[in-house]
Amino acid sequence: MRGLETLIRVKRWEIDGLRRTVAEAESLVARRQEEAARFEIAVVREQQQARADEVGAYGYAAGYASAVIATRADLSRALAAAESHAAEARDRLAEAYAELKRFEIVQEAREKRAQLAEQRRETIQLDELGIELHRRRSN
């Protein structure tokens, strides 16, 4: 019985660590989304400046546009990787919760069996006491 209690305690400790991992992964996803949003705002600003100035338009077309495309792709890959990591962390957390629940169910069943066995022993003792009292009164 002690071994199962230890397993439950260890599993809860593991779940705490997995919760922290999920929180960190979701925080990373939020940072990546924020980076992408800031980048898009900067791109719009640069496009507006390029439209306002002919020299800026040539500079934008020459190299900045291709750099924007590459940066968008990099940000997209980084966001996808962060989302994948967060999903894996959530899956591991869900599996750990399910395993903890199985351990807790087994523990509850053991405790219930032990309680029923104790009640059975008490009933037997009380029955024996009642029979003994009845035998003494009958004599």
Protein backbone atom coordinates (compact mmCIF):
# COMPACT_ATOMS: atom_id res chain seq x y z
CA MET A 1 0.00 0.00 0.00
CA ARG A 2 2.91 2.36 0.77
CA GLY A 3 4.35 1.81 -2.70
CA LEU A 4 1.21 3.07 -4.40
CA GLU A 5 1.11 6.17 -2.18
CA THR A 6 4.70 6.87 -3.19
CA LEU A 7 3.84 6.42 -6.87
CA ILE A 8 0.95 8.86 -6.50
CA ARG A 9 3.19 11.42 -4.78
CA VAL A 10 5.87 11.04 -7.48
CA LYS A 11 3.29 11.32 -10.25
CA ARG A 12 1.89 14.52 -8.69
CA TRP A 13 5.41 15.93 -8.56
CA GLU A 14 5.88 14.98 -12.23
CA ILE A 15 2.58 16.66 -13.12
CA ASP A 16 3.72 19.86 -11.41
CA GLY A 17 6.84 19.83 -13.56
CA LEU A 18 4.80 19.16 -16.69
CA ARG A 19 2.46 22.04 -15.83
CA ARG A 20 5.46 24.34 -15.67
CA THR A 21 6.68 22.97 -19.01
CA VAL A 22 3.27 23.58 -20.61
CA ALA A 23 3.17 27.12 -19.22
CA GLU A 24 6.64 27.83 -20.59
CA ALA A 25 5.75 26.37 -23.99
CA GLU A 26 2.54 28.40 -24.19
CA SER A 27 4.48 31.49 -23.15
CA LEU A 28 6.93 30.83 -25.99
CA VAL A 29 4.03 30.52 -28.45
CA ALA A 30 2.66 33.86 -27.24
CA ARG A 31 6.09 35.48 -27.64
CA ARG A 32 6.42 34.10 -31.18
CA GLN A 33 2.97 35.40 -32.08
CA GLU A 34 3.86 38.78 -30.63
CA GLU A 35 7.12 38.84 -32.62
CA ALA A 36 5.22 38.05 -35.81
CA ALA A 37 2.67 40.79 -35.10
CA ARG A 38 5.39 43.34 -34.39
CA PHE A 39 7.17 42.32 -37.59
CA GLU A 40 4.00 42.76 -39.66
CA ILE A 41 3.50 46.22 -38.15
CA ALA A 42 7.08 47.12 -39.05
CA VAL A 43 6.59 45.83 -42.62
CA VAL A 44 3.47 47.95 -43.07
CA ARG A 45 5.35 50.99 -41.77
CA GLU A 46 8.24 50.34 -44.17
CA GLN A 47 5.84 49.91 -47.09
CA GLN A 48 4.18 53.21 -46.29
CA GLN A 49 7.55 54.95 -46.13
CA ALA A 50 8.60 53.34 -49.42
CA ARG A 51 5.43 54.56 -51.13
CA ALA A 52 6.06 58.09 -49.91
CA ASP A 53 9.59 58.24 -51.34
CA GLU A 54 10.75 57.13 -54.83
CA VAL A 55 14.24 56.23 -53.62
CA GLY A 56 12.72 54.27 -50.78
CA ALA A 57 10.52 52.38 -53.24
CA TYR A 58 13.57 51.20 -55.20
CA GLY A 59 15.34 50.17 -52.00
CA TYR A 60 12.26 48.35 -50.80
CA ALA A 61 11.91 46.47 -54.06
CA ALA A 62 15.62 45.70 -54.33
CA GLY A 63 16.29 43.83 -51.15
CA TYR A 64 13.88 44.55 -48.39
CA ALA A 65 10.96 42.62 -49.93
CA SER A 66 12.99 39.43 -50.24
CA ALA A 67 14.24 39.85 -46.67
CA VAL A 68 10.63 40.28 -45.51
CA ILE A 69 9.62 37.06 -47.23
CA ALA A 70 12.52 35.16 -45.63
CA THR A 71 11.84 36.64 -42.21
CA ARG A 72 8.13 35.77 -42.46
CA ALA A 73 9.06 32.20 -43.29
CA ASP A 74 11.47 32.05 -40.35
CA LEU A 75 8.87 33.47 -37.97
CA SER A 76 6.27 31.06 -39.31
CA ARG A 77 8.59 28.08 -38.77
CA ALA A 78 9.49 29.26 -35.26
CA LEU A 79 5.81 29.68 -34.38
CA ALA A 80 4.94 26.24 -35.78
CA ALA A 81 7.77 24.66 -33.79
CA ALA A 82 6.65 26.43 -30.61
CA GLU A 83 3.05 25.35 -31.16
CA SER A 84 4.17 21.78 -31.78
CA HIS A 85 6.26 21.78 -28.61
CA ALA A 86 3.31 23.18 -26.63
CA ALA A 87 0.97 20.53 -28.04
CA GLU A 88 3.42 17.75 -27.13
CA ALA A 89 3.77 19.16 -23.62
CA ARG A 90 -0.02 19.28 -23.22
CA ASP A 91 -0.26 15.67 -24.45
CA ARG A 92 2.39 14.53 -21.95
CA LEU A 93 0.51 16.38 -19.19
CA ALA A 94 -2.78 14.73 -20.18
CA GLU A 95 -1.12 11.30 -20.15
CA ALA A 96 0.37 11.98 -16.72
CA TYR A 97 -3.04 13.06 -15.40
CA ALA A 98 -4.62 9.88 -16.77
CA GLU A 99 -1.94 7.74 -15.15
CA LEU A 100 -2.34 9.58 -11.84
CA LYS A 101 -6.09 9.01 -12.00
CA ARG A 102 -5.53 5.27 -12.54
CA PHE A 103 -3.23 5.15 -9.50
CA GLU A 104 -5.78 7.06 -7.42
CA ILE A 105 -8.59 4.71 -8.46
CA VAL A 106 -6.50 1.68 -7.50
CA GLN A 107 -5.62 3.35 -4.18
CA GLU A 108 -9.30 4.07 -3.46
CA ALA A 109 -10.22 0.47 -4.30
CA ARG A 110 -7.51 -0.84 -1.95
CA GLU A 111 -8.66 1.46 0.83
CA LYS A 112 -12.27 0.39 0.32
CA ARG A 113 -11.29 -3.29 0.41
CA ALA A 114 -9.32 -2.69 3.60
CA GLN A 115 -12.27 -0.86 5.13
CA LEU A 116 -14.66 -3.66 4.19
CA ALA A 117 -12.27 -6.24 5.64
CA GLU A 118 -12.07 -4.24 8.90
CA GLN A 119 -15.86 -3.99 9.04
CA ARG A 120 -16.11 -7.73 8.44
CA ARG A 121 -13.68 -8.42 11.30
CA GLU A 122 -15.62 -6.12 13.62
CA THR A 123 -18.89 -7.81 12.67
CA ILE A 124 -17.41 -11.24 13.36
CA GLN A 125 -16.10 -10.08 16.74
CA LEU A 126 -19.45 -8.53 17.67
CA ASP A 127 -21.28 -11.70 16.55
CA GLU A 128 -18.96 -13.83 18.68
CA LEU A 129 -19.49 -11.49 21.63
CA GLY A 130 -23.27 -11.67 21.16
CA ILE A 131 -23.20 -15.48 20.95
CA GLU A 132 -21.03 -15.66 24.09
CA LEU A 133 -23.39 -13.31 26.00
CA HIS A 134 -26.40 -15.34 24.86
CA ARG A 135 -24.71 -18.60 25.95
CA ARG A 136 -23.89 -17.14 29.38
CA ARG A 137 -27.44 -15.87 29.90
CA SER A 138 -28.89 -19.18 28.79
CA ASN A 139 -26.92 -21.13 31.43
